[in-house]
Amino acid sequence: MTDEKQEITMATEPEAEEQAPAQVEEEAQSASASAAAASEEAAAAEEDAAEKEAAAAEKDEAAQKKERRWYPRRRKYCRFCAEKREPDYKDPEYLRQFLTDRFKIIPRRITGTCAYHQRRLTKAVKRARILALLPYTTLHKGWFTHEVQKVVRER
């Protein structure tokens, strides 16, 4: 029986030797995994700190905005009512003040024109466009001043 026991122990010894390197590898992997977990935790802690700093900066900005003095905007008024004048399609220079650089009609919320005069202004602009006193778009020729024509010719 002793011979059998020796054989059994000898047979198990190589297995033990084979298991030892496997255990070492497992320990190395677990150590690297724990190191990776530790680095992830450190990165998460840094992100949290950065978020807290950003939140504090936002609060500071909000406090500065509150400290700024608020001034009421200048009240808009209808220029037609103030000047006691009506929009006239025969006066394109005056109507031009109510058009953008692309010749779109500026809305009344920007100009401050009253609803009554805005409707009349729209009709006057459209009539002036039909009579070619005002252009529809910037692509229409003939609306240029002499200075702008020179710039366009140079291109």
Protein backbone atom coordinates (compact mmCIF):
# COMPACT_ATOMS: atom_id res chain seq x y z
CA MET A 1 0.00 0.00 0.00
CA THR A 2 2.80 2.29 0.61
CA ASP A 3 3.84 2.00 -2.99
CA GLU A 4 0.35 2.96 -4.03
CA LYS A 5 0.36 5.95 -1.72
CA GLN A 6 3.65 7.09 -3.17
CA GLU A 7 2.29 6.75 -6.66
CA ILE A 8 -0.81 8.69 -5.71
CA THR A 9 1.23 11.44 -4.11
CA MET A 10 3.58 11.55 -7.08
CA ALA A 11 0.65 11.72 -9.42
CA THR A 12 -0.87 14.59 -7.47
CA GLU A 13 2.40 16.51 -7.08
CA PRO A 14 2.68 17.49 -10.77
CA GLU A 15 -0.91 18.64 -10.63
CA ALA A 16 -0.01 20.74 -7.64
CA GLU A 17 2.92 22.19 -9.55
CA GLU A 18 0.61 22.95 -12.49
CA GLN A 19 -1.89 24.61 -10.19
CA ALA A 20 0.71 26.82 -8.59
CA PRO A 21 1.46 28.85 -11.77
CA ALA A 22 -2.28 29.06 -12.48
CA GLN A 23 -2.85 30.46 -9.01
CA VAL A 24 -0.08 32.97 -9.53
CA GLU A 25 -1.68 34.10 -12.77
CA GLU A 26 -5.08 34.41 -11.09
CA GLU A 27 -3.55 36.44 -8.29
CA ALA A 28 -1.82 38.71 -10.82
CA GLN A 29 -5.08 39.22 -12.69
CA SER A 30 -6.96 39.98 -9.50
CA ALA A 31 -4.24 42.41 -8.48
CA SER A 32 -4.41 44.18 -11.86
CA ALA A 33 -8.21 44.22 -11.63
CA SER A 34 -8.06 45.76 -8.16
CA ALA A 35 -5.55 48.33 -9.43
CA ALA A 36 -7.85 49.15 -12.36
CA ALA A 37 -10.79 49.47 -9.96
CA ALA A 38 -8.73 51.77 -7.76
CA SER A 39 -7.78 53.95 -10.74
CA GLU A 40 -11.45 54.07 -11.82
CA GLU A 41 -12.43 55.18 -8.32
CA ALA A 42 -9.75 57.87 -8.41
CA ALA A 43 -10.99 59.06 -11.80
CA ALA A 44 -14.56 59.13 -10.50
CA ALA A 45 -13.43 61.15 -7.48
CA GLU A 46 -11.66 63.63 -9.77
CA GLU A 47 -14.79 63.97 -11.92
CA ASP A 48 -16.90 64.61 -8.83
CA ALA A 49 -14.47 67.29 -7.70
CA ALA A 50 -14.56 68.90 -11.15
CA GLU A 51 -18.36 68.85 -11.14
CA LYS A 52 -18.44 70.50 -7.71
CA GLU A 53 -16.06 73.21 -8.90
CA ALA A 54 -18.21 73.82 -12.00
CA ALA A 55 -21.33 74.06 -9.86
CA ALA A 56 -19.61 76.55 -7.57
CA ALA A 57 -18.51 78.62 -10.58
CA GLU A 58 -22.09 78.65 -11.91
CA LYS A 59 -23.36 79.86 -8.53
CA ASP A 60 -20.76 82.64 -8.56
CA GLU A 61 -21.87 83.71 -12.05
CA ALA A 62 -25.49 83.65 -10.99
CA ALA A 63 -24.65 85.83 -7.99
CA GLN A 64 -22.83 88.30 -10.25
CA LYS A 65 -25.82 88.45 -12.58
CA LYS A 66 -28.09 89.20 -9.64
CA GLU A 67 -25.77 92.01 -8.57
CA ARG A 68 -25.99 93.67 -11.99
CA ARG A 69 -28.45 96.48 -12.03
CA TRP A 70 -31.40 95.99 -14.33
CA TYR A 71 -32.44 98.94 -16.40
CA PRO A 72 -35.80 98.97 -18.13
CA ARG A 73 -35.62 98.83 -21.90
CA ARG A 74 -36.44 101.92 -23.81
CA ARG A 75 -40.12 101.89 -24.60
CA LYS A 76 -40.89 101.27 -28.24
CA TYR A 77 -43.25 103.63 -29.96
CA CYS A 78 -44.93 103.86 -33.31
CA ARG A 79 -43.00 106.31 -35.45
CA PHE A 80 -46.00 106.89 -37.67
CA CYS A 81 -48.17 107.88 -34.71
CA ALA A 82 -45.41 110.06 -33.21
CA GLU A 83 -44.76 111.90 -36.48
CA LYS A 84 -48.46 111.94 -37.39
CA ARG A 85 -47.58 110.44 -40.73
CA GLU A 86 -48.98 107.58 -42.79
CA PRO A 87 -46.91 104.99 -44.70
CA ASP A 88 -46.81 106.03 -48.34
CA TYR A 89 -45.74 103.73 -51.16
CA LYS A 90 -44.42 106.77 -53.08
CA ASP A 91 -41.74 107.38 -50.45
CA PRO A 92 -39.39 104.38 -50.74
CA GLU A 93 -36.57 106.04 -48.80
CA TYR A 94 -38.76 106.29 -45.71
CA LEU A 95 -40.12 102.77 -46.20
CA ARG A 96 -36.55 101.46 -46.54
CA GLN A 97 -36.07 102.16 -42.81
CA PHE A 98 -38.57 99.39 -42.07
CA LEU A 99 -36.81 96.79 -44.25
CA THR A 100 -33.83 94.57 -43.48
CA ASP A 101 -30.69 94.48 -45.58
CA ARG A 102 -32.31 91.60 -47.47
CA PHE A 103 -35.43 93.72 -48.03
CA LYS A 104 -37.67 91.80 -45.69
CA ILE A 105 -40.26 93.78 -43.73
CA ILE A 106 -39.16 94.15 -40.12
CA PRO A 107 -41.82 92.85 -37.69
CA ARG A 108 -43.61 95.26 -35.40
CA ARG A 109 -42.26 93.62 -32.23
CA ILE A 110 -38.85 94.95 -33.29
CA THR A 111 -39.78 98.32 -34.77
CA GLY A 112 -42.48 99.13 -32.22
CA THR A 113 -44.96 100.11 -34.91
CA CYS A 114 -48.60 99.81 -33.87
CA ALA A 115 -50.74 97.11 -35.50
CA TYR A 116 -52.74 99.63 -37.55
CA HIS A 117 -49.67 101.25 -39.07
CA GLN A 118 -47.86 97.93 -39.51
CA ARG A 119 -50.67 96.69 -41.74
CA ARG A 120 -50.58 99.89 -43.76
CA LEU A 121 -46.78 99.76 -43.91
CA THR A 122 -46.93 96.23 -45.29
CA LYS A 123 -49.36 97.26 -48.00
CA ALA A 124 -47.27 100.32 -48.88
CA VAL A 125 -44.09 98.22 -49.16
CA LYS A 126 -45.83 95.66 -51.34
CA ARG A 127 -47.19 98.39 -53.61
CA ALA A 128 -43.75 99.97 -53.88
CA ARG A 129 -42.32 96.58 -54.83
CA ILE A 130 -44.91 96.11 -57.54
CA LEU A 131 -44.06 99.54 -58.97
CA ALA A 132 -40.33 98.67 -58.75
CA LEU A 133 -39.66 101.46 -56.26
CA LEU A 134 -38.39 98.83 -53.81
CA PRO A 135 -36.84 95.47 -54.65
CA TYR A 136 -38.21 92.11 -53.57
CA THR A 137 -34.76 90.67 -52.86
CA THR A 138 -31.11 91.64 -53.13
CA LEU A 139 -30.94 89.81 -56.46
CA HIS A 140 -33.05 92.43 -58.23
CA LYS A 141 -30.99 94.90 -60.19
CA GLY A 142 -31.54 98.61 -60.03
CA TRP A 143 -31.82 98.96 -56.27
CA PHE A 144 -28.10 99.52 -55.85
CA THR A 145 -26.65 102.86 -55.02
CA HIS A 146 -23.63 103.92 -57.03
CA GLU A 147 -21.22 102.86 -54.30
CA VAL A 148 -22.65 99.37 -54.02
CA GLN A 149 -22.69 98.96 -57.80
CA LYS A 150 -18.94 99.60 -57.87
CA VAL A 151 -18.32 96.87 -55.30
CA VAL A 152 -20.46 94.41 -57.24
CA ARG A 153 -18.71 95.20 -60.52
CA GLU A 154 -15.30 94.59 -58.91
CA ARG A 155 -16.30 91.04 -58.05
